[in-house]
N, C-alpha and C. Protein backbone atom coordinates (compact mmCIF):
# COMPACT_ATOMS: atom_id res chain seq x y z
N MET A 1 -24.68 71.44 131.46
CA MET A 1 -25.41 72.67 131.25
C MET A 1 -26.57 72.80 132.24
N LYS A 2 -27.27 71.66 132.49
CA LYS A 2 -28.39 71.70 133.42
C LYS A 2 -27.94 72.05 134.82
N LYS A 3 -26.75 71.54 135.21
CA LYS A 3 -26.21 71.87 136.53
C LYS A 3 -25.88 73.34 136.64
N ILE A 4 -25.31 73.90 135.56
CA ILE A 4 -24.97 75.32 135.57
C ILE A 4 -26.24 76.16 135.69
N LYS A 5 -27.29 75.78 134.96
CA LYS A 5 -28.56 76.48 135.05
C LYS A 5 -29.13 76.38 136.46
N LEU A 6 -28.98 75.19 137.07
CA LEU A 6 -29.49 75.01 138.43
C LEU A 6 -28.78 75.91 139.40
N ILE A 7 -27.44 75.99 139.30
CA ILE A 7 -26.67 76.84 140.21
C ILE A 7 -27.11 78.28 140.07
N SER A 8 -27.26 78.76 138.84
CA SER A 8 -27.69 80.14 138.60
C SER A 8 -29.08 80.38 139.17
N PHE A 9 -29.97 79.40 138.99
CA PHE A 9 -31.33 79.54 139.50
C PHE A 9 -31.35 79.61 141.03
N LEU A 10 -30.53 78.76 141.68
CA LEU A 10 -30.51 78.74 143.14
C LEU A 10 -29.98 80.05 143.71
N VAL A 11 -28.93 80.58 143.10
CA VAL A 11 -28.40 81.87 143.55
C VAL A 11 -29.46 82.95 143.41
N PHE A 12 -30.19 82.95 142.27
CA PHE A 12 -31.25 83.94 142.04
C PHE A 12 -32.36 83.81 143.07
N VAL A 13 -32.79 82.57 143.35
CA VAL A 13 -33.85 82.35 144.34
C VAL A 13 -33.43 82.84 145.71
N ASN A 14 -32.18 82.57 146.08
CA ASN A 14 -31.71 82.99 147.39
C ASN A 14 -31.67 84.51 147.50
N LEU A 15 -31.25 85.20 146.44
CA LEU A 15 -31.23 86.66 146.45
C LEU A 15 -32.64 87.22 146.58
N CYS A 16 -33.59 86.60 145.88
CA CYS A 16 -34.99 87.05 145.98
C CYS A 16 -35.52 86.84 147.40
N PHE A 17 -35.19 85.68 147.99
CA PHE A 17 -35.65 85.39 149.35
C PHE A 17 -35.06 86.37 150.34
N THR A 18 -33.78 86.68 150.16
CA THR A 18 -33.12 87.62 151.04
C THR A 18 -33.76 88.99 150.97
N SER A 19 -34.06 89.44 149.75
CA SER A 19 -34.69 90.75 149.57
C SER A 19 -36.07 90.79 150.23
N LEU A 20 -36.84 89.70 150.05
CA LEU A 20 -38.17 89.63 150.65
C LEU A 20 -38.09 89.65 152.17
N TYR A 21 -37.14 88.89 152.72
CA TYR A 21 -36.99 88.84 154.18
C TYR A 21 -36.64 90.22 154.74
N ALA A 22 -35.76 90.94 154.04
CA ALA A 22 -35.35 92.26 154.49
C ALA A 22 -36.53 93.23 154.48
N GLN A 23 -37.37 93.13 153.45
CA GLN A 23 -38.49 94.04 153.35
C GLN A 23 -39.54 93.77 154.41
N THR A 24 -39.78 92.49 154.70
CA THR A 24 -40.83 92.15 155.66
C THR A 24 -40.40 92.37 157.11
N ASN A 25 -39.12 92.32 157.37
CA ASN A 25 -38.64 92.48 158.73
C ASN A 25 -38.06 93.86 158.99
N GLY A 26 -37.82 94.63 157.93
CA GLY A 26 -37.29 95.98 158.12
C GLY A 26 -35.79 95.97 158.34
N LEU A 27 -35.12 97.02 157.90
CA LEU A 27 -33.68 97.10 158.05
C LEU A 27 -33.26 97.87 159.30
N ALA A 28 -34.24 98.41 160.01
CA ALA A 28 -33.90 99.17 161.21
C ALA A 28 -33.57 98.19 162.32
N GLY A 29 -34.57 97.84 163.12
CA GLY A 29 -34.38 96.82 164.15
C GLY A 29 -33.26 97.11 165.10
N ASN A 30 -33.06 96.16 166.02
CA ASN A 30 -31.96 96.27 166.99
C ASN A 30 -30.82 95.37 166.53
N PHE A 31 -29.96 95.92 165.71
CA PHE A 31 -28.86 95.16 165.15
C PHE A 31 -27.60 95.40 165.98
N LEU A 32 -27.02 94.33 166.46
CA LEU A 32 -25.89 94.44 167.37
C LEU A 32 -24.58 94.78 166.66
N ARG A 33 -24.52 94.51 165.33
CA ARG A 33 -23.29 94.72 164.57
C ARG A 33 -22.08 94.05 165.24
N GLU A 34 -22.29 92.84 165.68
CA GLU A 34 -21.20 92.07 166.28
C GLU A 34 -20.18 91.72 165.21
N GLN A 35 -18.92 91.81 165.54
CA GLN A 35 -17.85 91.51 164.60
C GLN A 35 -17.48 90.02 164.68
N HIS A 36 -17.41 89.38 163.52
CA HIS A 36 -17.12 87.95 163.48
C HIS A 36 -15.78 87.65 162.83
N THR A 37 -15.01 88.67 162.51
CA THR A 37 -13.70 88.47 161.90
C THR A 37 -12.83 87.59 162.80
N GLY A 38 -12.30 86.52 162.23
CA GLY A 38 -11.44 85.63 162.98
C GLY A 38 -12.17 84.49 163.68
N ASP A 39 -13.50 84.44 163.61
CA ASP A 39 -14.25 83.36 164.23
C ASP A 39 -14.07 82.05 163.46
N TRP A 40 -14.09 80.94 164.18
CA TRP A 40 -14.11 79.60 163.59
C TRP A 40 -15.43 78.93 163.93
N VAL A 41 -16.00 78.18 162.96
CA VAL A 41 -17.24 77.45 163.19
C VAL A 41 -17.04 76.00 162.75
N LEU A 42 -17.32 75.07 163.66
CA LEU A 42 -17.25 73.64 163.35
C LEU A 42 -18.66 73.08 163.22
N GLY A 43 -18.84 72.15 162.28
CA GLY A 43 -20.16 71.57 162.06
C GLY A 43 -20.11 70.07 161.96
N PHE A 44 -21.21 69.43 162.38
CA PHE A 44 -21.35 67.97 162.25
C PHE A 44 -22.81 67.67 161.94
N GLY A 45 -23.04 66.85 160.88
CA GLY A 45 -24.42 66.56 160.53
C GLY A 45 -24.55 65.39 159.58
N VAL A 46 -25.65 65.40 158.82
CA VAL A 46 -25.96 64.33 157.88
C VAL A 46 -26.24 64.94 156.51
N ASN A 47 -26.15 64.10 155.46
CA ASN A 47 -26.37 64.59 154.10
C ASN A 47 -27.13 63.58 153.25
N ILE A 48 -27.80 64.10 152.22
CA ILE A 48 -28.47 63.29 151.21
C ILE A 48 -27.81 63.61 149.87
N VAL A 49 -27.48 62.58 149.08
CA VAL A 49 -26.85 62.77 147.78
C VAL A 49 -27.77 62.24 146.69
N GLU A 50 -27.94 63.04 145.62
CA GLU A 50 -28.64 62.60 144.41
C GLU A 50 -27.61 62.60 143.30
N ASP A 51 -27.44 61.47 142.64
CA ASP A 51 -26.34 61.32 141.69
C ASP A 51 -26.83 61.20 140.26
N GLY A 52 -26.18 61.96 139.36
CA GLY A 52 -26.36 61.77 137.93
C GLY A 52 -27.74 62.05 137.39
N GLY A 53 -28.55 62.84 138.10
CA GLY A 53 -29.89 63.13 137.63
C GLY A 53 -29.93 64.35 136.75
N SER A 54 -31.12 64.91 136.60
CA SER A 54 -31.30 66.05 135.71
C SER A 54 -30.93 67.36 136.38
N GLY A 55 -30.66 67.34 137.69
CA GLY A 55 -30.34 68.57 138.40
C GLY A 55 -31.56 69.24 138.98
N ASP A 56 -32.71 68.58 138.91
CA ASP A 56 -33.94 69.12 139.48
C ASP A 56 -33.84 69.09 141.00
N PHE A 57 -34.10 70.24 141.65
CA PHE A 57 -33.99 70.31 143.10
C PHE A 57 -34.87 69.27 143.78
N SER A 58 -36.04 68.97 143.21
CA SER A 58 -36.97 68.03 143.84
C SER A 58 -36.40 66.62 143.91
N GLU A 59 -35.43 66.30 143.03
CA GLU A 59 -34.87 64.96 143.02
C GLU A 59 -34.07 64.63 144.27
N ILE A 60 -33.64 65.66 144.99
CA ILE A 60 -32.84 65.40 146.18
C ILE A 60 -33.65 64.66 147.24
N PHE A 61 -34.97 64.72 147.14
CA PHE A 61 -35.84 64.01 148.08
C PHE A 61 -36.62 62.90 147.39
N ASP A 62 -36.23 62.54 146.15
CA ASP A 62 -36.89 61.48 145.41
C ASP A 62 -36.33 60.13 145.86
N LYS A 63 -37.19 59.26 146.37
CA LYS A 63 -36.74 57.98 146.91
C LYS A 63 -36.08 57.11 145.85
N SER A 64 -36.39 57.34 144.56
CA SER A 64 -35.84 56.50 143.51
C SER A 64 -34.42 56.88 143.13
N SER A 65 -33.95 58.07 143.55
CA SER A 65 -32.62 58.51 143.10
C SER A 65 -31.74 59.07 144.21
N SER A 66 -32.27 59.30 145.41
CA SER A 66 -31.47 59.88 146.48
C SER A 66 -30.86 58.77 147.35
N HIS A 67 -29.70 59.11 147.96
CA HIS A 67 -28.95 58.14 148.75
C HIS A 67 -28.74 58.69 150.16
N PHE A 68 -29.06 57.85 151.16
CA PHE A 68 -28.94 58.25 152.56
C PHE A 68 -28.54 57.03 153.36
N SER A 69 -27.21 56.76 153.44
CA SER A 69 -26.71 55.62 154.17
C SER A 69 -25.30 55.95 154.66
N ASN A 70 -25.05 55.84 155.95
CA ASN A 70 -23.79 56.30 156.55
C ASN A 70 -23.50 57.74 156.11
N PRO A 71 -24.47 58.65 156.28
CA PRO A 71 -24.44 59.96 155.60
C PRO A 71 -23.84 61.09 156.42
N PHE A 72 -22.61 60.96 156.88
CA PHE A 72 -22.05 61.95 157.79
C PHE A 72 -21.33 63.08 157.05
N ILE A 73 -21.34 64.27 157.65
CA ILE A 73 -20.61 65.40 157.08
C ILE A 73 -19.97 66.19 158.21
N LEU A 74 -18.70 66.56 158.02
CA LEU A 74 -17.94 67.38 158.96
C LEU A 74 -17.52 68.65 158.24
N SER A 75 -17.51 69.79 158.94
CA SER A 75 -17.13 71.04 158.28
C SER A 75 -16.38 71.95 159.24
N ALA A 76 -15.56 72.81 158.66
CA ALA A 76 -14.85 73.85 159.40
C ALA A 76 -14.91 75.12 158.56
N GLU A 77 -15.19 76.25 159.22
CA GLU A 77 -15.36 77.51 158.51
C GLU A 77 -14.63 78.64 159.24
N TYR A 78 -14.00 79.51 158.46
CA TYR A 78 -13.27 80.64 159.02
C TYR A 78 -13.82 81.93 158.43
N TYR A 79 -14.19 82.89 159.30
CA TYR A 79 -14.73 84.18 158.86
C TYR A 79 -13.60 85.19 158.70
N THR A 80 -13.43 85.69 157.49
CA THR A 80 -12.45 86.74 157.27
C THR A 80 -13.01 88.11 157.67
N ASN A 81 -14.34 88.25 157.57
CA ASN A 81 -15.04 89.45 158.05
C ASN A 81 -16.52 89.09 158.17
N ASN A 82 -17.40 90.07 158.35
CA ASN A 82 -18.81 89.79 158.54
C ASN A 82 -19.51 89.34 157.26
N HIS A 83 -18.86 89.50 156.11
CA HIS A 83 -19.47 89.12 154.85
C HIS A 83 -18.92 87.83 154.28
N PHE A 84 -17.60 87.65 154.35
CA PHE A 84 -16.96 86.53 153.68
C PHE A 84 -16.41 85.51 154.67
N SER A 85 -16.50 84.24 154.25
CA SER A 85 -15.91 83.16 155.03
C SER A 85 -15.46 82.06 154.06
N PHE A 86 -14.57 81.20 154.55
CA PHE A 86 -14.08 80.07 153.77
C PHE A 86 -14.43 78.79 154.51
N ASN A 87 -14.97 77.83 153.76
CA ASN A 87 -15.49 76.61 154.37
C ASN A 87 -14.85 75.38 153.73
N THR A 88 -14.54 74.39 154.56
CA THR A 88 -14.08 73.09 154.09
C THR A 88 -14.99 72.03 154.70
N SER A 89 -15.44 71.07 153.87
CA SER A 89 -16.30 70.01 154.39
C SER A 89 -15.84 68.65 153.86
N LEU A 90 -16.03 67.63 154.69
CA LEU A 90 -15.74 66.25 154.33
C LEU A 90 -17.01 65.45 154.55
N SER A 91 -17.52 64.84 153.49
CA SER A 91 -18.79 64.12 153.61
C SER A 91 -18.66 62.68 153.15
N PHE A 92 -19.46 61.81 153.76
CA PHE A 92 -19.49 60.39 153.45
C PHE A 92 -20.93 59.96 153.22
N ASN A 93 -21.12 58.99 152.34
CA ASN A 93 -22.43 58.41 152.12
C ASN A 93 -22.20 57.05 151.46
N LYS A 94 -23.28 56.34 151.16
CA LYS A 94 -23.17 55.07 150.45
C LYS A 94 -24.33 54.97 149.48
N TYR A 95 -24.02 54.57 148.24
CA TYR A 95 -25.05 54.44 147.21
C TYR A 95 -25.85 53.15 147.44
N LEU A 96 -27.14 53.21 147.18
CA LEU A 96 -28.05 52.13 147.53
C LEU A 96 -28.49 51.32 146.32
N THR A 97 -28.76 50.03 146.55
CA THR A 97 -29.20 49.11 145.51
C THR A 97 -30.43 49.64 144.78
N GLY A 98 -30.40 49.52 143.44
CA GLY A 98 -31.54 49.91 142.63
C GLY A 98 -31.61 51.38 142.27
N LYS A 99 -30.60 52.15 142.72
CA LYS A 99 -30.60 53.58 142.46
C LYS A 99 -29.44 53.96 141.54
N SER A 100 -29.43 55.21 141.09
CA SER A 100 -28.49 55.67 140.08
C SER A 100 -27.13 56.04 140.66
N VAL A 101 -26.06 55.70 139.91
CA VAL A 101 -24.72 56.19 140.20
C VAL A 101 -24.01 56.37 138.85
N ASP A 102 -23.58 57.58 138.55
CA ASP A 102 -22.91 57.88 137.28
C ASP A 102 -23.69 57.33 136.08
N SER A 103 -25.00 57.55 136.09
CA SER A 103 -25.93 57.20 135.00
C SER A 103 -26.24 55.71 134.89
N GLY A 104 -25.65 54.88 135.75
CA GLY A 104 -25.98 53.46 135.77
C GLY A 104 -26.83 53.13 136.99
N ILE A 105 -27.34 51.89 137.06
CA ILE A 105 -28.16 51.44 138.18
C ILE A 105 -27.38 50.40 138.98
N ILE A 106 -27.38 50.56 140.29
CA ILE A 106 -26.62 49.67 141.16
C ILE A 106 -27.39 48.37 141.40
N PRO A 107 -26.83 47.21 141.03
CA PRO A 107 -27.49 45.93 141.34
C PRO A 107 -27.28 45.56 142.81
N GLU A 108 -27.99 44.57 143.25
CA GLU A 108 -27.90 44.15 144.65
C GLU A 108 -26.50 43.65 144.98
N GLY A 109 -25.97 44.08 146.12
CA GLY A 109 -24.66 43.64 146.57
C GLY A 109 -23.50 44.44 146.02
N ALA A 110 -23.78 45.56 145.35
CA ALA A 110 -22.69 46.34 144.73
C ALA A 110 -22.78 47.81 145.15
N GLU A 111 -23.01 48.07 146.41
CA GLU A 111 -23.21 49.43 146.90
C GLU A 111 -21.88 50.13 147.16
N PRO A 112 -21.48 51.11 146.34
CA PRO A 112 -20.20 51.79 146.50
C PRO A 112 -20.25 52.89 147.56
N ILE A 113 -19.10 53.22 148.10
CA ILE A 113 -18.95 54.28 149.08
C ILE A 113 -18.77 55.62 148.36
N TYR A 114 -19.40 56.66 148.89
CA TYR A 114 -19.26 58.03 148.38
C TYR A 114 -18.45 58.85 149.39
N MET A 115 -17.45 59.57 148.89
CA MET A 115 -16.66 60.45 149.75
C MET A 115 -16.37 61.73 148.98
N ALA A 116 -16.50 62.88 149.64
CA ALA A 116 -16.26 64.15 148.97
C ALA A 116 -15.57 65.13 149.92
N LEU A 117 -14.57 65.82 149.39
CA LEU A 117 -13.90 66.90 150.09
C LEU A 117 -14.16 68.18 149.30
N ASP A 118 -14.81 69.15 149.91
CA ASP A 118 -15.21 70.37 149.20
C ASP A 118 -14.71 71.61 149.93
N VAL A 119 -14.29 72.60 149.16
CA VAL A 119 -13.90 73.89 149.72
C VAL A 119 -14.71 74.97 149.01
N SER A 120 -15.06 76.01 149.73
CA SER A 120 -15.90 77.04 149.13
C SER A 120 -15.69 78.38 149.80
N SER A 121 -16.05 79.41 149.07
CA SER A 121 -16.09 80.77 149.59
C SER A 121 -17.56 81.17 149.73
N LYS A 122 -17.91 81.71 150.89
CA LYS A 122 -19.30 82.07 151.16
C LYS A 122 -19.45 83.58 151.29
N TYR A 123 -20.59 84.07 150.83
CA TYR A 123 -20.95 85.46 151.05
C TYR A 123 -22.22 85.49 151.89
N SER A 124 -22.14 86.11 153.06
CA SER A 124 -23.25 86.15 154.00
C SER A 124 -24.07 87.42 153.83
N PHE A 125 -25.39 87.29 153.98
CA PHE A 125 -26.32 88.43 153.91
C PHE A 125 -26.77 88.90 155.29
N ARG A 126 -26.04 88.48 156.33
CA ARG A 126 -26.46 88.81 157.70
C ARG A 126 -26.54 90.31 157.92
N GLU A 127 -25.54 91.06 157.48
CA GLU A 127 -25.57 92.51 157.73
C GLU A 127 -26.64 93.20 156.91
N LEU A 128 -26.90 92.70 155.70
CA LEU A 128 -27.97 93.27 154.89
C LEU A 128 -29.31 93.13 155.61
N LEU A 129 -29.51 91.99 156.26
CA LEU A 129 -30.76 91.75 156.99
C LEU A 129 -30.74 92.33 158.39
N LYS A 130 -29.56 92.81 158.83
CA LYS A 130 -29.39 93.34 160.18
C LYS A 130 -29.90 92.33 161.22
N SER A 131 -29.38 91.13 161.12
CA SER A 131 -29.78 90.05 162.02
C SER A 131 -28.55 89.32 162.52
N GLU A 132 -28.53 89.00 163.80
CA GLU A 132 -27.45 88.20 164.36
C GLU A 132 -27.81 86.73 164.42
N SER A 133 -29.08 86.38 164.29
CA SER A 133 -29.49 84.98 164.40
C SER A 133 -29.66 84.31 163.05
N PHE A 134 -30.24 85.01 162.06
CA PHE A 134 -30.50 84.43 160.76
C PHE A 134 -29.43 84.86 159.77
N GLU A 135 -28.74 83.88 159.14
CA GLU A 135 -27.60 84.17 158.28
C GLU A 135 -27.68 83.38 156.97
N PRO A 136 -28.42 83.87 155.98
CA PRO A 136 -28.42 83.21 154.68
C PRO A 136 -27.15 83.54 153.90
N TYR A 137 -26.79 82.69 152.96
CA TYR A 137 -25.57 82.91 152.19
C TYR A 137 -25.66 82.21 150.83
N VAL A 138 -24.77 82.62 149.94
CA VAL A 138 -24.53 81.89 148.69
C VAL A 138 -23.07 81.45 148.70
N LEU A 139 -22.74 80.42 147.94
CA LEU A 139 -21.38 79.91 147.95
C LEU A 139 -20.96 79.42 146.57
N LEU A 140 -19.66 79.51 146.32
CA LEU A 140 -19.03 78.97 145.13
C LEU A 140 -17.74 78.27 145.55
N GLY A 141 -17.40 77.19 144.86
CA GLY A 141 -16.18 76.50 145.24
C GLY A 141 -15.85 75.34 144.33
N ALA A 142 -15.03 74.45 144.83
CA ALA A 142 -14.58 73.29 144.08
C ALA A 142 -14.42 72.13 145.05
N GLY A 143 -14.26 70.95 144.51
CA GLY A 143 -14.11 69.80 145.38
C GLY A 143 -13.54 68.59 144.66
N TYR A 144 -13.37 67.54 145.44
CA TYR A 144 -12.92 66.25 144.91
C TYR A 144 -13.87 65.19 145.45
N THR A 145 -14.47 64.43 144.54
CA THR A 145 -15.41 63.37 144.91
C THR A 145 -14.88 62.03 144.43
N ASN A 146 -14.99 61.01 145.28
CA ASN A 146 -14.59 59.66 144.91
C ASN A 146 -15.75 58.70 145.15
N ILE A 147 -16.07 57.93 144.13
CA ILE A 147 -17.10 56.89 144.23
C ILE A 147 -16.40 55.55 144.09
N GLY A 148 -16.59 54.66 145.08
CA GLY A 148 -15.86 53.40 145.13
C GLY A 148 -16.19 52.46 143.99
N SER A 149 -15.35 51.44 143.81
CA SER A 149 -15.55 50.46 142.75
C SER A 149 -16.86 49.71 142.96
N HIS A 150 -17.52 49.37 141.85
CA HIS A 150 -18.82 48.72 141.94
C HIS A 150 -19.21 48.16 140.57
N THR A 151 -20.27 47.37 140.57
CA THR A 151 -20.87 46.90 139.34
C THR A 151 -22.09 47.76 139.06
N SER A 152 -22.27 48.17 137.81
CA SER A 152 -23.40 49.03 137.46
C SER A 152 -24.09 48.49 136.22
N SER A 153 -25.40 48.72 136.16
CA SER A 153 -26.19 48.23 135.04
C SER A 153 -26.53 49.38 134.10
N PHE A 154 -26.13 49.25 132.82
CA PHE A 154 -26.45 50.23 131.79
C PHE A 154 -27.34 49.55 130.75
N ASP A 155 -28.63 49.89 130.77
CA ASP A 155 -29.61 49.26 129.85
C ASP A 155 -29.56 47.74 129.96
N GLY A 156 -29.46 47.23 131.18
CA GLY A 156 -29.45 45.80 131.41
C GLY A 156 -28.10 45.14 131.26
N ARG A 157 -27.09 45.89 130.84
CA ARG A 157 -25.75 45.33 130.66
C ARG A 157 -24.90 45.67 131.88
N LEU A 158 -24.39 44.62 132.56
CA LEU A 158 -23.59 44.83 133.77
C LEU A 158 -22.16 45.20 133.39
N THR A 159 -21.65 46.26 134.03
CA THR A 159 -20.29 46.74 133.77
C THR A 159 -19.56 46.94 135.09
N GLN A 160 -18.34 46.46 135.18
CA GLN A 160 -17.52 46.65 136.37
C GLN A 160 -16.86 48.02 136.29
N ILE A 161 -17.15 48.88 137.26
CA ILE A 161 -16.62 50.24 137.29
C ILE A 161 -15.58 50.35 138.41
N PRO A 162 -14.37 50.80 138.12
CA PRO A 162 -13.37 50.96 139.18
C PRO A 162 -13.68 52.19 140.04
N SER A 163 -12.95 52.34 141.12
CA SER A 163 -13.08 53.54 141.94
C SER A 163 -12.67 54.75 141.11
N ILE A 164 -13.57 55.73 140.98
CA ILE A 164 -13.32 56.88 140.11
C ILE A 164 -13.38 58.17 140.93
N GLY A 165 -12.28 58.91 140.92
CA GLY A 165 -12.26 60.23 141.53
C GLY A 165 -12.47 61.28 140.46
N ARG A 166 -13.04 62.40 140.87
CA ARG A 166 -13.25 63.49 139.91
C ARG A 166 -13.28 64.83 140.65
N MET A 167 -12.75 65.85 139.95
CA MET A 167 -12.86 67.20 140.45
C MET A 167 -14.28 67.70 140.15
N THR A 168 -14.78 68.57 141.01
CA THR A 168 -16.11 69.13 140.80
C THR A 168 -16.08 70.65 140.95
N VAL A 169 -16.96 71.31 140.21
CA VAL A 169 -17.19 72.74 140.35
C VAL A 169 -18.53 72.89 141.08
N ASN A 170 -18.54 73.62 142.19
CA ASN A 170 -19.69 73.63 143.08
C ASN A 170 -20.33 75.02 143.19
N GLY A 171 -21.61 75.02 143.42
CA GLY A 171 -22.33 76.26 143.70
C GLY A 171 -23.60 75.94 144.46
N GLY A 172 -24.05 76.88 145.28
CA GLY A 172 -25.26 76.61 146.04
C GLY A 172 -25.61 77.73 146.98
N PHE A 173 -26.45 77.40 147.94
CA PHE A 173 -26.89 78.38 148.92
C PHE A 173 -27.28 77.66 150.21
N GLY A 174 -27.49 78.42 151.26
CA GLY A 174 -27.90 77.84 152.53
C GLY A 174 -28.15 78.92 153.56
N ALA A 175 -28.29 78.50 154.81
CA ALA A 175 -28.53 79.45 155.88
C ALA A 175 -28.12 78.85 157.21
N ASN A 176 -27.58 79.70 158.08
CA ASN A 176 -27.33 79.35 159.47
C ASN A 176 -28.38 80.02 160.34
N TYR A 177 -28.80 79.33 161.38
CA TYR A 177 -29.65 79.97 162.38
C TYR A 177 -28.97 79.78 163.73
N TRP A 178 -28.64 80.92 164.38
CA TRP A 178 -27.89 80.88 165.63
C TRP A 178 -28.85 81.01 166.81
N PHE A 179 -28.87 79.96 167.64
CA PHE A 179 -29.71 79.96 168.83
C PHE A 179 -29.06 80.74 169.97
N SER A 180 -27.74 80.81 169.92
CA SER A 180 -26.98 81.55 170.93
C SER A 180 -25.69 82.02 170.28
N GLU A 181 -24.81 82.61 171.07
CA GLU A 181 -23.54 83.09 170.54
C GLU A 181 -22.69 81.96 170.00
N LYS A 182 -22.86 80.74 170.54
CA LYS A 182 -22.00 79.63 170.16
C LYS A 182 -22.69 78.53 169.37
N TRP A 183 -23.98 78.30 169.58
CA TRP A 183 -24.65 77.15 168.98
C TRP A 183 -25.59 77.58 167.87
N GLY A 184 -25.58 76.79 166.77
CA GLY A 184 -26.44 77.11 165.64
C GLY A 184 -26.79 75.87 164.84
N LEU A 185 -27.62 76.08 163.81
CA LEU A 185 -28.07 75.02 162.91
C LEU A 185 -27.84 75.48 161.48
N ASN A 186 -27.33 74.60 160.64
CA ASN A 186 -27.05 74.91 159.24
C ASN A 186 -27.87 74.04 158.30
N LEU A 187 -28.47 74.66 157.27
CA LEU A 187 -29.10 73.96 156.15
C LEU A 187 -28.34 74.37 154.89
N ASN A 188 -27.92 73.40 154.08
CA ASN A 188 -27.06 73.72 152.94
C ASN A 188 -27.46 72.89 151.73
N PHE A 189 -27.54 73.54 150.56
CA PHE A 189 -27.80 72.84 149.31
C PHE A 189 -26.66 73.14 148.35
N LEU A 190 -26.09 72.06 147.76
CA LEU A 190 -24.92 72.20 146.91
C LEU A 190 -25.11 71.42 145.62
N ALA A 191 -24.89 72.09 144.48
CA ALA A 191 -24.88 71.42 143.17
C ALA A 191 -23.44 71.25 142.73
N LYS A 192 -23.07 70.02 142.33
CA LYS A 192 -21.69 69.71 141.97
C LYS A 192 -21.64 69.21 140.53
N GLN A 193 -20.85 69.88 139.70
CA GLN A 193 -20.67 69.45 138.32
C GLN A 193 -19.32 68.75 138.19
N GLY A 194 -19.33 67.45 137.86
CA GLY A 194 -18.09 66.70 137.70
C GLY A 194 -17.31 67.14 136.47
N VAL A 195 -16.01 67.27 136.61
CA VAL A 195 -15.14 67.62 135.49
C VAL A 195 -14.73 66.34 134.78
N LYS A 196 -15.13 66.21 133.54
CA LYS A 196 -14.86 64.99 132.79
C LYS A 196 -13.40 64.95 132.33
N SER A 197 -12.66 63.99 132.83
CA SER A 197 -11.26 63.83 132.44
C SER A 197 -10.82 62.41 132.75
N GLY A 198 -9.73 61.99 132.12
CA GLY A 198 -9.18 60.67 132.38
C GLY A 198 -9.84 59.56 131.57
N LYS A 199 -9.39 58.35 131.79
CA LYS A 199 -9.82 57.17 131.05
C LYS A 199 -11.30 56.88 131.20
N TYR A 200 -11.85 57.18 132.38
CA TYR A 200 -13.25 56.83 132.65
C TYR A 200 -14.16 58.05 132.67
N LYS A 201 -13.81 59.06 131.88
CA LYS A 201 -14.58 60.31 131.90
C LYS A 201 -16.03 60.11 131.46
N ALA A 202 -16.30 59.07 130.67
CA ALA A 202 -17.67 58.82 130.21
C ALA A 202 -18.60 58.50 131.38
N TYR A 203 -18.04 58.03 132.49
CA TYR A 203 -18.86 57.67 133.64
C TYR A 203 -19.00 58.80 134.66
N ILE A 204 -18.33 59.91 134.43
CA ILE A 204 -18.34 61.01 135.40
C ILE A 204 -19.57 61.89 135.19
N THR A 205 -20.35 62.04 136.24
CA THR A 205 -21.53 62.91 136.21
C THR A 205 -21.46 63.89 137.38
N GLY A 206 -22.54 64.58 137.63
CA GLY A 206 -22.61 65.51 138.76
C GLY A 206 -23.48 64.97 139.87
N GLN A 207 -23.48 65.65 140.98
CA GLN A 207 -24.32 65.30 142.12
C GLN A 207 -24.97 66.56 142.69
N THR A 208 -26.07 66.37 143.37
CA THR A 208 -26.63 67.42 144.21
C THR A 208 -26.66 66.88 145.63
N GLN A 209 -26.40 67.76 146.59
CA GLN A 209 -26.26 67.32 147.98
C GLN A 209 -26.95 68.30 148.92
N PHE A 210 -27.77 67.76 149.79
CA PHE A 210 -28.42 68.54 150.84
C PHE A 210 -27.89 68.07 152.18
N SER A 211 -27.57 69.01 153.06
CA SER A 211 -27.08 68.63 154.38
C SER A 211 -27.70 69.49 155.47
N ILE A 212 -27.76 68.93 156.67
CA ILE A 212 -28.21 69.64 157.86
C ILE A 212 -27.21 69.33 158.97
N SER A 213 -26.71 70.39 159.63
CA SER A 213 -25.63 70.21 160.61
C SER A 213 -25.85 71.07 161.84
N ALA A 214 -25.36 70.57 162.96
CA ALA A 214 -25.26 71.36 164.18
C ALA A 214 -23.95 72.13 164.14
N LEU A 215 -23.94 73.39 164.59
CA LEU A 215 -22.77 74.25 164.52
C LEU A 215 -22.31 74.67 165.91
N TYR A 216 -20.99 74.80 166.04
CA TYR A 216 -20.42 75.36 167.27
C TYR A 216 -19.40 76.42 166.87
N ARG A 217 -19.54 77.62 167.41
CA ARG A 217 -18.69 78.75 167.02
C ARG A 217 -17.66 79.06 168.11
N PHE A 218 -16.40 79.21 167.67
CA PHE A 218 -15.32 79.63 168.55
C PHE A 218 -15.08 81.12 168.30
N LYS A 219 -15.42 81.93 169.27
CA LYS A 219 -15.26 83.37 169.12
C LYS A 219 -13.81 83.79 169.25
N LYS A 220 -13.41 84.75 168.41
CA LYS A 220 -12.06 85.34 168.53
C LYS A 220 -11.96 86.05 169.86
N LYS A 221 -10.87 85.84 170.55
CA LYS A 221 -10.69 86.50 171.84
C LYS A 221 -10.26 87.96 171.64
């Protein structure tokens, strides 16, 4: 429930920010109305994962619960028109000793690997803002996350946890900033709610993930 509230709150905040930006910058301006239908965008960057917390946005930067080790993310995005696009991302990370994973605490020497494949549909506010460089968006989607086998401590009791995969329901927001026609920078925040199913459903929780990536756009000829 907290994750669902977080997703709703983030979408609301992004809409408010978009409205404020439009008002302060004006809707007139010199808008090129460039068409992006058929464009592909590839991204490469790093990510921070916060696992099994309360869903508070501030926790993504909390040293006691965030994970940043081997934190790579790859993405590919296809624009169906100037408003909608579809994105696929593959991210890797590693959980760190003394921090949370699926509501347990990782003891020394038991750091599991994090891997996630996520797909999403994005709605861009670029035309609303009449801007070719600044592109905020909201997104909804789904994914598959796998956390490797490890030992975890629950109230001081050590438990061996196998590698557990889980489907996730995702929501979030972000923005692209384009320095040129081809090169840009992406900031993305994603809340993931794990779908509890299977033998080990009691250990399945959600994650929040922040990423920053360099972008390269392939223009439709």
